[in-house]
PDB file of all heavy atoms in Angstrom:
ATOM      1  N   LEU A   1       6.110 -11.367  -1.174  1.00  0.00           N
ATOM      2  CA  LEU A   1       5.818 -10.343  -0.194  1.00  0.00           C
ATOM      3  C   LEU A   1       4.578 -10.705   0.555  1.00  0.00           C
ATOM      4  O   LEU A   1       3.535 -11.024  -0.060  1.00  0.00           O
ATOM      5  CB  LEU A   1       5.640  -8.986  -0.878  1.00  0.00           C
ATOM      6  CG  LEU A   1       5.311  -7.804   0.003  1.00  0.00           C
ATOM      7  CD1 LEU A   1       6.511  -7.442   0.865  1.00  0.00           C
ATOM      8  CD2 LEU A   1       4.855  -6.610  -0.793  1.00  0.00           C
ATOM      9  N   TYR A   2       4.636 -10.762   1.899  1.00  0.00           N
ATOM     10  CA  TYR A   2       3.532 -11.293   2.699  1.00  0.00           C
ATOM     11  C   TYR A   2       2.753 -10.159   3.350  1.00  0.00           C
ATOM     12  O   TYR A   2       3.360  -9.221   3.884  1.00  0.00           O
ATOM     13  CB  TYR A   2       4.061 -12.246   3.742  1.00  0.00           C
ATOM     14  CG  TYR A   2       4.676 -13.482   3.142  1.00  0.00           C
ATOM     15  CD1 TYR A   2       6.036 -13.556   2.886  1.00  0.00           C
ATOM     16  CD2 TYR A   2       3.862 -14.520   2.745  1.00  0.00           C
ATOM     17  CE1 TYR A   2       6.599 -14.686   2.266  1.00  0.00           C
ATOM     18  CE2 TYR A   2       4.422 -15.706   2.133  1.00  0.00           C
ATOM     19  CZ  TYR A   2       5.764 -15.739   1.922  1.00  0.00           C
ATOM     20  OH  TYR A   2       6.317 -16.828   1.337  1.00  0.00           O
ATOM     21  N   LEU A   3       1.412 -10.268   3.314  1.00  0.00           N
ATOM     22  CA  LEU A   3       0.551  -9.282   3.932  1.00  0.00           C
ATOM     23  C   LEU A   3      -0.154  -9.917   5.114  1.00  0.00           C
ATOM     24  O   LEU A   3      -0.562 -11.093   5.085  1.00  0.00           O
ATOM     25  CB  LEU A   3      -0.516  -8.796   2.962  1.00  0.00           C
ATOM     26  CG  LEU A   3       0.021  -8.112   1.668  1.00  0.00           C
ATOM     27  CD1 LEU A   3      -1.155  -7.708   0.789  1.00  0.00           C
ATOM     28  CD2 LEU A   3       0.883  -6.917   1.968  1.00  0.00           C
ATOM     29  N   THR A   4      -0.368  -9.145   6.161  1.00  0.00           N
ATOM     30  CA  THR A   4      -1.153  -9.566   7.346  1.00  0.00           C
ATOM     31  C   THR A   4      -2.281  -8.543   7.511  1.00  0.00           C
ATOM     32  O   THR A   4      -2.626  -7.806   6.599  1.00  0.00           O
ATOM     33  CB  THR A   4      -0.235  -9.625   8.579  1.00  0.00           C
ATOM     34  OG1 THR A   4       0.192  -8.341   8.923  1.00  0.00           O
ATOM     35  CG2 THR A   4       0.891 -10.567   8.373  1.00  0.00           C
ATOM     36  N   ASP A   5      -2.807  -8.441   8.736  1.00  0.00           N
ATOM     37  CA  ASP A   5      -3.876  -7.514   8.992  1.00  0.00           C
ATOM     38  C   ASP A   5      -3.463  -6.067   8.914  1.00  0.00           C
ATOM     39  O   ASP A   5      -4.254  -5.168   8.891  1.00  0.00           O
ATOM     40  CB  ASP A   5      -4.545  -7.832  10.324  1.00  0.00           C
ATOM     41  CG  ASP A   5      -3.585  -7.770  11.475  1.00  0.00           C
ATOM     42  OD1 ASP A   5      -2.429  -8.211  11.314  1.00  0.00           O
ATOM     43  OD2 ASP A   5      -4.001  -7.392  12.566  1.00  0.00           O
ATOM     44  N   THR A   6      -2.126  -5.786   8.853  1.00  0.00           N
ATOM     45  CA  THR A   6      -1.674  -4.412   8.770  1.00  0.00           C
ATOM     46  C   THR A   6      -1.362  -4.046   7.278  1.00  0.00           C
ATOM     47  O   THR A   6      -0.394  -3.363   7.012  1.00  0.00           O
ATOM     48  CB  THR A   6      -0.375  -4.269   9.580  1.00  0.00           C
ATOM     49  OG1 THR A   6       0.594  -5.219   9.146  1.00  0.00           O
ATOM     50  CG2 THR A   6      -0.667  -4.472  11.077  1.00  0.00           C
ATOM     51  N   VAL A   7      -2.263  -4.406   6.391  1.00  0.00           N
ATOM     52  CA  VAL A   7      -2.096  -4.171   4.971  1.00  0.00           C
ATOM     53  C   VAL A   7      -1.880  -2.692   4.620  1.00  0.00           C
ATOM     54  O   VAL A   7      -1.210  -2.375   3.635  1.00  0.00           O
ATOM     55  CB  VAL A   7      -3.247  -4.761   4.150  1.00  0.00           C
ATOM     56  CG1 VAL A   7      -4.512  -4.005   4.387  1.00  0.00           C
ATOM     57  CG2 VAL A   7      -2.930  -4.815   2.666  1.00  0.00           C
ATOM     58  N   ASP A   8      -2.443  -1.796   5.388  1.00  0.00           N
ATOM     59  CA  ASP A   8      -2.293  -0.376   5.149  1.00  0.00           C
ATOM     60  C   ASP A   8      -1.329   0.331   6.109  1.00  0.00           C
ATOM     61  O   ASP A   8      -1.331   1.535   6.227  1.00  0.00           O
ATOM     62  CB  ASP A   8      -3.638   0.335   5.184  1.00  0.00           C
ATOM     63  CG  ASP A   8      -4.522  -0.002   4.030  1.00  0.00           C
ATOM     64  OD1 ASP A   8      -3.985  -0.178   2.916  1.00  0.00           O
ATOM     65  OD2 ASP A   8      -5.746  -0.141   4.227  1.00  0.00           O
ATOM     66  N   GLY A   9      -0.528  -0.459   6.797  1.00  0.00           N
ATOM     67  CA  GLY A   9       0.421   0.099   7.792  1.00  0.00           C
ATOM     68  C   GLY A   9       1.552   0.884   7.162  1.00  0.00           C
ATOM     69  O   GLY A   9       1.679   1.003   5.980  1.00  0.00           O
ATOM     70  N   LYS A  10       2.376   1.389   8.024  1.00  0.00           N
ATOM     71  CA  LYS A  10       3.502   2.239   7.557  1.00  0.00           C
ATOM     72  C   LYS A  10       4.547   1.420   6.721  1.00  0.00           C
ATOM     73  O   LYS A  10       5.313   2.022   6.000  1.00  0.00           O
ATOM     74  CB  LYS A  10       4.234   2.935   8.708  1.00  0.00           C
ATOM     75  CG  LYS A  10       4.922   2.027   9.680  1.00  0.00           C
ATOM     76  CD  LYS A  10       5.518   2.835  10.835  1.00  0.00           C
ATOM     77  CE  LYS A  10       6.223   1.901  11.764  1.00  0.00           C
ATOM     78  NZ  LYS A  10       6.906   2.600  12.849  1.00  0.00           N
ATOM     79  N   LEU A  11       4.485   0.113   6.804  1.00  0.00           N
ATOM     80  CA  LEU A  11       5.421  -0.728   5.975  1.00  0.00           C
ATOM     81  C   LEU A  11       4.698  -1.325   4.765  1.00  0.00           C
ATOM     82  O   LEU A  11       5.244  -2.219   4.103  1.00  0.00           O
ATOM     83  CB  LEU A  11       6.012  -1.842   6.847  1.00  0.00           C
ATOM     84  CG  LEU A  11       6.943  -1.373   7.957  1.00  0.00           C
ATOM     85  CD1 LEU A  11       7.424  -2.550   8.791  1.00  0.00           C
ATOM     86  CD2 LEU A  11       8.113  -0.555   7.425  1.00  0.00           C
ATOM     87  N   SER A  12       3.514  -0.823   4.440  1.00  0.00           N
ATOM     88  CA  SER A  12       2.828  -1.329   3.255  1.00  0.00           C
ATOM     89  C   SER A  12       3.552  -0.795   1.993  1.00  0.00           C
ATOM     90  O   SER A  12       4.283   0.151   2.026  1.00  0.00           O
ATOM     91  CB  SER A  12       1.352  -0.818   3.240  1.00  0.00           C
ATOM     92  OG  SER A  12       1.294   0.604   2.970  1.00  0.00           O
ATOM     93  N   VAL A  13       3.284  -1.465   0.903  1.00  0.00           N
ATOM     94  CA  VAL A  13       3.923  -1.110  -0.371  1.00  0.00           C
ATOM     95  C   VAL A  13       3.535   0.343  -0.721  1.00  0.00           C
ATOM     96  O   VAL A  13       4.414   1.118  -1.095  1.00  0.00           O
ATOM     97  CB  VAL A  13       3.497  -2.082  -1.481  1.00  0.00           C
ATOM     98  CG1 VAL A  13       3.996  -1.621  -2.845  1.00  0.00           C
ATOM     99  CG2 VAL A  13       3.938  -3.485  -1.213  1.00  0.00           C
ATOM    100  N   SER A  14       2.279   0.692  -0.570  1.00  0.00           N
ATOM    101  CA  SER A  14       1.856   2.022  -0.936  1.00  0.00           C
ATOM    102  C   SER A  14       2.479   3.102  -0.022  1.00  0.00           C
ATOM    103  O   SER A  14       2.902   4.144  -0.521  1.00  0.00           O
ATOM    104  CB  SER A  14       0.298   2.160  -0.902  1.00  0.00           C
ATOM    105  OG  SER A  14      -0.214   1.815   0.350  1.00  0.00           O
ATOM    106  N   SER A  15       2.634   2.829   1.268  1.00  0.00           N
ATOM    107  CA  SER A  15       3.272   3.770   2.176  1.00  0.00           C
ATOM    108  C   SER A  15       4.747   3.931   1.870  1.00  0.00           C
ATOM    109  O   SER A  15       5.251   5.050   1.853  1.00  0.00           O
ATOM    110  CB  SER A  15       3.138   3.304   3.626  1.00  0.00           C
ATOM    111  OG  SER A  15       1.794   3.391   4.063  1.00  0.00           O
ATOM    112  N   ILE A  16       5.453   2.835   1.549  1.00  0.00           N
ATOM    113  CA  ILE A  16       6.837   2.926   1.164  1.00  0.00           C
ATOM    114  C   ILE A  16       7.018   3.748  -0.091  1.00  0.00           C
ATOM    115  O   ILE A  16       7.833   4.632  -0.186  1.00  0.00           O
ATOM    116  CB  ILE A  16       7.445   1.500   1.037  1.00  0.00           C
ATOM    117  CG1 ILE A  16       7.536   0.845   2.376  1.00  0.00           C
ATOM    118  CG2 ILE A  16       8.823   1.574   0.340  1.00  0.00           C
ATOM    119  CD1 ILE A  16       7.889  -0.639   2.339  1.00  0.00           C
ATOM    120  N   ARG A  17       6.149   3.480  -1.052  1.00  0.00           N
ATOM    121  CA  ARG A  17       6.175   4.241  -2.368  1.00  0.00           C
ATOM    122  C   ARG A  17       5.975   5.742  -2.084  1.00  0.00           C
ATOM    123  O   ARG A  17       6.734   6.573  -2.544  1.00  0.00           O
ATOM    124  CB  ARG A  17       5.092   3.719  -3.299  1.00  0.00           C
ATOM    125  CG  ARG A  17       5.077   4.349  -4.665  1.00  0.00           C
ATOM    126  CD  ARG A  17       3.930   3.728  -5.485  1.00  0.00           C
ATOM    127  NE  ARG A  17       3.948   4.212  -6.844  1.00  0.00           N
ATOM    128  CZ  ARG A  17       3.312   5.300  -7.262  1.00  0.00           C
ATOM    129  NH1 ARG A  17       2.596   6.037  -6.405  1.00  0.00           N
ATOM    130  NH2 ARG A  17       3.377   5.657  -8.511  1.00  0.00           N
ATOM    131  N   ASN A  18       4.932   6.070  -1.329  1.00  0.00           N
ATOM    132  CA  ASN A  18       4.644   7.459  -1.026  1.00  0.00           C
ATOM    133  C   ASN A  18       5.760   8.143  -0.271  1.00  0.00           C
ATOM    134  O   ASN A  18       6.098   9.304  -0.541  1.00  0.00           O
ATOM    135  CB  ASN A  18       3.339   7.568  -0.247  1.00  0.00           C
ATOM    136  CG  ASN A  18       2.107   7.149  -1.050  1.00  0.00           C
ATOM    137  OD1 ASN A  18       2.152   7.159  -2.274  1.00  0.00           O
ATOM    138  ND2 ASN A  18       1.033   6.858  -0.390  1.00  0.00           N
ATOM    139  N   ASN A  19       6.379   7.446   0.702  1.00  0.00           N
ATOM    140  CA  ASN A  19       7.473   8.003   1.497  1.00  0.00           C
ATOM    141  C   ASN A  19       8.678   8.261   0.644  1.00  0.00           C
ATOM    142  O   ASN A  19       9.395   9.279   0.777  1.00  0.00           O
ATOM    143  CB  ASN A  19       7.812   7.105   2.653  1.00  0.00           C
ATOM    144  CG  ASN A  19       6.746   7.116   3.740  1.00  0.00           C
ATOM    145  OD1 ASN A  19       5.966   8.055   3.807  1.00  0.00           O
ATOM    146  ND2 ASN A  19       6.688   6.071   4.551  1.00  0.00           N
ATOM    147  N   LEU A  20       8.959   7.312  -0.324  1.00  0.00           N
ATOM    148  CA  LEU A  20      10.135   7.533  -1.206  1.00  0.00           C
ATOM    149  C   LEU A  20       9.926   8.728  -2.130  1.00  0.00           C
ATOM    150  O   LEU A  20      10.858   9.508  -2.381  1.00  0.00           O
ATOM    151  CB  LEU A  20      10.384   6.243  -2.014  1.00  0.00           C
ATOM    152  CG  LEU A  20      10.992   5.078  -1.255  1.00  0.00           C
ATOM    153  CD1 LEU A  20      11.017   3.825  -2.058  1.00  0.00           C
ATOM    154  CD2 LEU A  20      12.413   5.432  -0.762  1.00  0.00           C
ATOM    155  N   ILE A  21       8.741   8.857  -2.629  1.00  0.00           N
ATOM    156  CA  ILE A  21       8.417   9.996  -3.523  1.00  0.00           C
ATOM    157  C   ILE A  21       8.507  11.312  -2.737  1.00  0.00           C
ATOM    158  O   ILE A  21       9.114  12.297  -3.229  1.00  0.00           O
ATOM    159  CB  ILE A  21       7.033   9.847  -4.174  1.00  0.00           C
ATOM    160  CG1 ILE A  21       7.054   8.711  -5.171  1.00  0.00           C
ATOM    161  CG2 ILE A  21       6.568  11.100  -4.825  1.00  0.00           C
ATOM    162  CD1 ILE A  21       5.688   8.333  -5.745  1.00  0.00           C
ATOM    163  N   GLU A  22       7.959  11.305  -1.533  1.00  0.00           N
ATOM    164  CA  GLU A  22       8.041  12.513  -0.690  1.00  0.00           C
ATOM    165  C   GLU A  22       9.459  12.885  -0.332  1.00  0.00           C
ATOM    166  O   GLU A  22       9.829  14.063  -0.377  1.00  0.00           O
ATOM    167  CB  GLU A  22       7.227  12.266   0.585  1.00  0.00           C
ATOM    168  CG  GLU A  22       7.113  13.484   1.467  1.00  0.00           C
ATOM    169  CD  GLU A  22       6.336  13.213   2.713  1.00  0.00           C
ATOM    170  OE1 GLU A  22       5.191  12.710   2.604  1.00  0.00           O
ATOM    171  OE2 GLU A  22       6.818  13.539   3.833  1.00  0.00           O
ATOM    172  N   LYS A  23      10.306  11.928  -0.039  1.00  0.00           N
ATOM    173  CA  LYS A  23      11.676  12.152   0.359  1.00  0.00           C
ATOM    174  C   LYS A  23      12.600  12.548  -0.812  1.00  0.00           C
ATOM    175  O   LYS A  23      13.451  13.415  -0.663  1.00  0.00           O
ATOM    176  CB  LYS A  23      12.204  10.942   1.117  1.00  0.00           C
ATOM    177  CG  LYS A  23      13.598  11.141   1.728  1.00  0.00           C
ATOM    178  CD  LYS A  23      13.998  10.015   2.598  1.00  0.00           C
ATOM    179  CE  LYS A  23      15.327  10.341   3.275  1.00  0.00           C
ATOM    180  NZ  LYS A  23      15.711   9.284   4.185  1.00  0.00           N
ATOM    181  N   TYR A  24      12.419  11.851  -1.974  1.00  0.00           N
ATOM    182  CA  TYR A  24      13.364  12.023  -3.067  1.00  0.00           C
ATOM    183  C   TYR A  24      12.789  12.647  -4.321  1.00  0.00           C
ATOM    184  O   TYR A  24      13.501  12.817  -5.301  1.00  0.00           O
ATOM    185  CB  TYR A  24      13.959  10.652  -3.433  1.00  0.00           C
ATOM    186  CG  TYR A  24      14.752  10.012  -2.291  1.00  0.00           C
ATOM    187  CD1 TYR A  24      14.194   8.958  -1.586  1.00  0.00           C
ATOM    188  CD2 TYR A  24      15.994  10.508  -1.960  1.00  0.00           C
ATOM    189  CE1 TYR A  24      14.905   8.382  -0.575  1.00  0.00           C
ATOM    190  CE2 TYR A  24      16.679   9.908  -0.920  1.00  0.00           C
ATOM    191  CZ  TYR A  24      16.161   8.864  -0.209  1.00  0.00           C
ATOM    192  OH  TYR A  24      16.886   8.282   0.788  1.00  0.00           O
ATOM    193  N   GLY A  25      11.562  12.971  -4.290  1.00  0.00           N
ATOM    194  CA  GLY A  25      10.865  13.517  -5.493  1.00  0.00           C
ATOM    195  C   GLY A  25      10.334  12.373  -6.345  1.00  0.00           C
ATOM    196  O   GLY A  25      10.742  11.191  -6.143  1.00  0.00           O
ATOM    197  N   GLU A  26       9.442  12.674  -7.251  1.00  0.00           N
ATOM    198  CA  GLU A  26       8.786  11.601  -7.983  1.00  0.00           C
ATOM    199  C   GLU A  26       9.677  10.747  -8.827  1.00  0.00           C
ATOM    200  O   GLU A  26       9.637   9.493  -8.752  1.00  0.00           O
ATOM    201  CB  GLU A  26       7.633  12.196  -8.889  1.00  0.00           C
ATOM    202  CG  GLU A  26       6.802  11.071  -9.496  1.00  0.00           C
ATOM    203  CD  GLU A  26       5.504  11.613 -10.077  1.00  0.00           C
ATOM    204  OE1 GLU A  26       5.192  12.786  -9.916  1.00  0.00           O
ATOM    205  OE2 GLU A  26       4.835  10.795 -10.671  1.00  0.00           O
ATOM    206  N   LYS A  27      10.571  11.371  -9.628  1.00  0.00           N
ATOM    207  CA  LYS A  27      11.384  10.562 -10.509  1.00  0.00           C
ATOM    208  C   LYS A  27      12.339   9.623  -9.780  1.00  0.00           C
ATOM    209  O   LYS A  27      12.361   8.432  -9.989  1.00  0.00           O
ATOM    210  CB  LYS A  27      12.168  11.479 -11.419  1.00  0.00           C
ATOM    211  CG  LYS A  27      12.937  10.775 -12.496  1.00  0.00           C
ATOM    212  CD  LYS A  27      13.656  11.781 -13.441  1.00  0.00           C
ATOM    213  CE  LYS A  27      14.447  11.042 -14.484  1.00  0.00           C
ATOM    214  NZ  LYS A  27      15.097  11.954 -15.369  1.00  0.00           N
ATOM    215  N   LYS A  28      13.125  10.189  -8.845  1.00  0.00           N
ATOM    216  CA  LYS A  28      14.108   9.374  -8.121  1.00  0.00           C
ATOM    217  C   LYS A  28      13.363   8.423  -7.148  1.00  0.00           C
ATOM    218  O   LYS A  28      13.764   7.283  -6.978  1.00  0.00           O
ATOM    219  CB  LYS A  28      15.053  10.278  -7.312  1.00  0.00           C
ATOM    220  CG  LYS A  28      16.143   9.512  -6.625  1.00  0.00           C
ATOM    221  CD  LYS A  28      17.149  10.442  -5.951  1.00  0.00           C
ATOM    222  CE  LYS A  28      18.260   9.595  -5.261  1.00  0.00           C
ATOM    223  NZ  LYS A  28      19.197  10.490  -4.586  1.00  0.00           N
ATOM    224  N   GLY A  29      12.261   8.913  -6.486  1.00  0.00           N
ATOM    225  CA  GLY A  29      11.547   8.061  -5.586  1.00  0.00           C
ATOM    226  C   GLY A  29      10.963   6.831  -6.243  1.00  0.00           C
ATOM    227  O   GLY A  29      11.027   5.743  -5.720  1.00  0.00           O
ATOM    228  N   LEU A  30      10.390   7.015  -7.427  1.00  0.00           N
ATOM    229  CA  LEU A  30       9.803   5.862  -8.181  1.00  0.00           C
ATOM    230  C   LEU A  30      10.926   4.883  -8.657  1.00  0.00           C
ATOM    231  O   LEU A  30      10.735   3.716  -8.656  1.00  0.00           O
ATOM    232  CB  LEU A  30       8.978   6.310  -9.364  1.00  0.00           C
ATOM    233  CG  LEU A  30       7.670   7.010  -8.979  1.00  0.00           C
ATOM    234  CD1 LEU A  30       6.958   7.491 -10.218  1.00  0.00           C
ATOM    235  CD2 LEU A  30       6.740   5.989  -8.247  1.00  0.00           C
ATOM    236  N   ARG A  31      12.095   5.458  -9.039  1.00  0.00           N
ATOM    237  CA  ARG A  31      13.237   4.633  -9.452  1.00  0.00           C
ATOM    238  C   ARG A  31      13.724   3.786  -8.260  1.00  0.00           C
ATOM    239  O   ARG A  31      13.896   2.573  -8.408  1.00  0.00           O
ATOM    240  CB  ARG A  31      14.347   5.468 -10.032  1.00  0.00           C
ATOM    241  CG  ARG A  31      15.384   4.628 -10.698  1.00  0.00           C
ATOM    242  CD  ARG A  31      16.491   5.489 -11.436  1.00  0.00           C
ATOM    243  NE  ARG A  31      17.232   6.331 -10.448  1.00  0.00           N
ATOM    244  CZ  ARG A  31      17.276   7.646 -10.510  1.00  0.00           C
ATOM    245  NH1 ARG A  31      16.642   8.315 -11.454  1.00  0.00           N
ATOM    246  NH2 ARG A  31      17.933   8.366  -9.593  1.00  0.00           N
ATOM    247  N   LEU A  32      13.811   4.390  -7.098  1.00  0.00           N
ATOM    248  CA  LEU A  32      14.202   3.610  -5.890  1.00  0.00           C
ATOM    249  C   LEU A  32      13.193   2.596  -5.508  1.00  0.00           C
ATOM    250  O   LEU A  32      13.478   1.446  -5.141  1.00  0.00           O
ATOM    251  CB  LEU A  32      14.422   4.585  -4.721  1.00  0.00           C
ATOM    252  CG  LEU A  32      15.659   5.499  -4.841  1.00  0.00           C
ATOM    253  CD1 LEU A  32      15.655   6.542  -3.723  1.00  0.00           C
ATOM    254  CD2 LEU A  32      16.907   4.619  -4.717  1.00  0.00           C
ATOM    255  N   PHE A  33      11.898   2.997  -5.656  1.00  0.00           N
ATOM    256  CA  PHE A  33      10.796   2.063  -5.317  1.00  0.00           C
ATOM    257  C   PHE A  33      10.855   0.856  -6.246  1.00  0.00           C
ATOM    258  O   PHE A  33      10.751  -0.304  -5.800  1.00  0.00           O
ATOM    259  CB  PHE A  33       9.462   2.778  -5.506  1.00  0.00           C
ATOM    260  CG  PHE A  33       8.271   1.917  -5.357  1.00  0.00           C
ATOM    261  CD1 PHE A  33       7.794   1.566  -4.079  1.00  0.00           C
ATOM    262  CD2 PHE A  33       7.595   1.418  -6.468  1.00  0.00           C
ATOM    263  CE1 PHE A  33       6.674   0.747  -3.955  1.00  0.00           C
ATOM    264  CE2 PHE A  33       6.494   0.566  -6.301  1.00  0.00           C
ATOM    265  CZ  PHE A  33       6.013   0.264  -5.038  1.00  0.00           C
ATOM    266  N   ASP A  34      11.064   1.070  -7.536  1.00  0.00           N
ATOM    267  CA  ASP A  34      11.115  -0.019  -8.511  1.00  0.00           C
ATOM    268  C   ASP A  34      12.309  -0.955  -8.203  1.00  0.00           C
ATOM    269  O   ASP A  34      12.205  -2.202  -8.284  1.00  0.00           O
ATOM    270  CB  ASP A  34      11.195   0.487  -9.926  1.00  0.00           C
ATOM    271  CG  ASP A  34       9.862   1.094 -10.400  1.00  0.00           C
ATOM    272  OD1 ASP A  34       8.849   0.791  -9.820  1.00  0.00           O
ATOM    273  OD2 ASP A  34       9.914   1.875 -11.379  1.00  0.00           O
ATOM    274  N   MET A  35      13.430  -0.352  -7.856  1.00  0.00           N
ATOM    275  CA  MET A  35      14.628  -1.153  -7.500  1.00  0.00           C
ATOM    276  C   MET A  35      14.344  -1.980  -6.237  1.00  0.00           C
ATOM    277  O   MET A  35      14.709  -3.167  -6.185  1.00  0.00           O
ATOM    278  CB  MET A  35      15.840  -0.232  -7.242  1.00  0.00           C
ATOM    279  CG  MET A  35      16.386   0.327  -8.545  1.00  0.00           C
ATOM    280  SD  MET A  35      17.669   1.612  -8.301  1.00  0.00           S
ATOM    281  CE  MET A  35      18.698   0.941  -7.033  1.00  0.00           C
ATOM    282  N   TRP A  36      13.700  -1.386  -5.244  1.00  0.00           N
ATOM    283  CA  TRP A  36      13.413  -2.032  -3.992  1.00  0.00           C
ATOM    284  C   TRP A  36      12.551  -3.273  -4.143  1.00  0.00           C
ATOM    285  O   TRP A  36      12.788  -4.281  -3.554  1.00  0.00           O
ATOM    286  CB  TRP A  36      12.739  -1.038  -3.071  1.00  0.00           C
ATOM    287  CG  TRP A  36      12.540  -1.462  -1.588  1.00  0.00           C
ATOM    288  CD1 TRP A  36      12.301  -2.695  -1.104  1.00  0.00           C
ATOM    289  CD2 TRP A  36      12.551  -0.579  -0.507  1.00  0.00           C
ATOM    290  NE1 TRP A  36      12.167  -2.654   0.209  1.00  0.00           N
ATOM    291  CE2 TRP A  36      12.277  -1.378   0.639  1.00  0.00           C
ATOM    292  CE3 TRP A  36      12.707   0.776  -0.341  1.00  0.00           C
ATOM    293  CZ2 TRP A  36      12.182  -0.843   1.925  1.00  0.00           C
ATOM    294  CZ3 TRP A  36      12.606   1.287   0.950  1.00  0.00           C
ATOM    295  CH2 TRP A  36      12.379   0.477   2.042  1.00  0.00           C
TER     296      TRP A  36
END
């Protein structure tokens, strides 16, 4: 996984994780995140 100067952008790992949790709830969101 490659990082550039947009390390905290909307496609960052942490943003994707937070968006999945927000959209699907913590349990399902974290499971999808781990699969991703």
